[in-house]
Amino acid sequence: MSATNLKRTLTGTVVSDKMDKTVTVLVERKVKHPVLGKIIRVSKKYHAHDETNEFHHGDVVAIEECRPLAKTKTWRVTKLLEKAEAI
């Protein structure tokens, strides 16, 4: 198995769905601080492709890496893990 056909997958929360066919996904991970040793949360936002505009703010989704679809969009939403609660 070569490394080229392995796609990275991440899990995060949709924080913006205002664009057409694109959602912004916030991915948080916990890392140990190199000097202090304290566990801290590090977060990063990714633009992910959502062809049918089915994912909305607050949804927990899985995204996978793909070819570049736009200047800042190289991820695709693969599945919905948890639906956001309606207010």
Protein backbone atom coordinates (compact mmCIF):
# COMPACT_ATOMS: atom_id res chain seq x y z
CA MET A 1 0.00 0.00 0.00
CA SER A 2 1.55 3.28 -1.06
CA ALA A 3 1.20 6.56 0.78
CA THR A 4 -0.37 8.31 -2.21
CA ASN A 5 -3.75 6.57 -1.98
CA LEU A 6 -4.18 7.19 1.76
CA LYS A 7 -6.44 10.16 2.44
CA ARG A 8 -6.24 12.06 5.69
CA THR A 9 -9.53 12.33 7.56
CA LEU A 10 -10.42 14.79 10.30
CA THR A 11 -13.45 15.39 12.50
CA GLY A 12 -14.75 18.86 13.28
CA THR A 13 -17.68 21.20 13.77
CA VAL A 14 -19.22 23.32 11.03
CA VAL A 15 -18.85 26.98 12.06
CA SER A 16 -20.01 28.61 8.81
CA ASP A 17 -22.28 27.53 5.96
CA LYS A 18 -22.81 30.93 4.32
CA MET A 19 -20.89 30.08 1.13
CA ASP A 20 -22.36 28.11 -1.76
CA LYS A 21 -21.19 24.47 -1.77
CA THR A 22 -18.60 25.23 0.94
CA VAL A 23 -18.58 24.90 4.71
CA THR A 24 -15.97 26.03 7.22
CA VAL A 25 -15.04 23.24 9.64
CA LEU A 26 -13.27 23.90 12.95
CA VAL A 27 -11.00 21.01 13.94
CA GLU A 28 -9.70 20.96 17.52
CA ARG A 29 -6.92 18.75 18.81
CA LYS A 30 -5.18 18.46 22.15
CA VAL A 31 -1.38 18.70 22.32
CA LYS A 32 1.11 18.80 25.15
CA HIS A 33 2.96 22.10 25.52
CA PRO A 34 6.66 21.47 24.84
CA VAL A 35 7.98 23.41 27.86
CA LEU A 36 5.17 23.54 30.41
CA GLY A 37 3.81 20.04 29.77
CA LYS A 38 0.24 21.32 30.04
CA ILE A 39 -2.38 19.90 27.65
CA ILE A 40 -3.69 22.72 25.43
CA ARG A 41 -6.34 22.86 22.70
CA VAL A 42 -5.13 23.80 19.23
CA SER A 43 -7.73 24.60 16.60
CA LYS A 44 -7.65 25.16 12.85
CA LYS A 45 -10.34 25.99 10.30
CA TYR A 46 -10.65 24.18 6.99
CA HIS A 47 -12.82 24.99 3.98
CA ALA A 48 -14.57 21.80 2.86
CA HIS A 49 -16.65 21.03 -0.22
CA ASP A 50 -20.37 20.38 0.39
CA GLU A 51 -21.94 19.68 -3.01
CA THR A 52 -25.60 19.67 -1.88
CA ASN A 53 -25.44 22.35 0.87
CA GLU A 54 -26.80 19.79 3.37
CA PHE A 55 -24.50 20.58 6.32
CA HIS A 56 -25.27 23.51 8.61
CA HIS A 57 -23.82 25.45 11.55
CA GLY A 58 -23.17 23.22 14.57
CA ASP A 59 -23.08 19.88 12.73
CA VAL A 60 -20.21 17.53 13.56
CA VAL A 61 -18.80 16.17 10.30
CA ALA A 62 -15.95 14.07 8.96
CA ILE A 63 -13.82 15.59 6.19
CA GLU A 64 -11.24 13.97 3.92
CA GLU A 65 -8.42 15.39 1.89
CA CYS A 66 -8.91 15.66 -1.88
CA ARG A 67 -7.49 17.45 -4.89
CA PRO A 68 -7.61 21.27 -4.82
CA LEU A 69 -11.15 22.42 -5.65
CA ALA A 70 -10.48 26.14 -5.13
CA LYS A 71 -7.72 28.40 -3.86
CA THR A 72 -8.34 27.50 -0.21
CA LYS A 73 -10.48 24.35 -0.53
CA THR A 74 -8.73 20.97 -0.54
CA TRP A 75 -11.08 19.01 1.73
CA ARG A 76 -14.44 17.29 1.10
CA VAL A 77 -17.16 16.53 3.65
CA THR A 78 -17.67 12.76 3.73
CA LYS A 79 -20.36 12.18 6.34
CA LEU A 80 -22.48 13.69 9.06
CA LEU A 81 -21.54 12.37 12.50
CA GLU A 82 -23.89 14.43 14.67
CA LYS A 83 -26.70 16.81 13.75
CA ALA A 84 -26.86 20.22 15.47
CA GLU A 85 -29.67 20.76 17.95
CA ALA A 86 -32.43 23.05 16.70
CA ILE A 87 -32.96 26.16 18.82
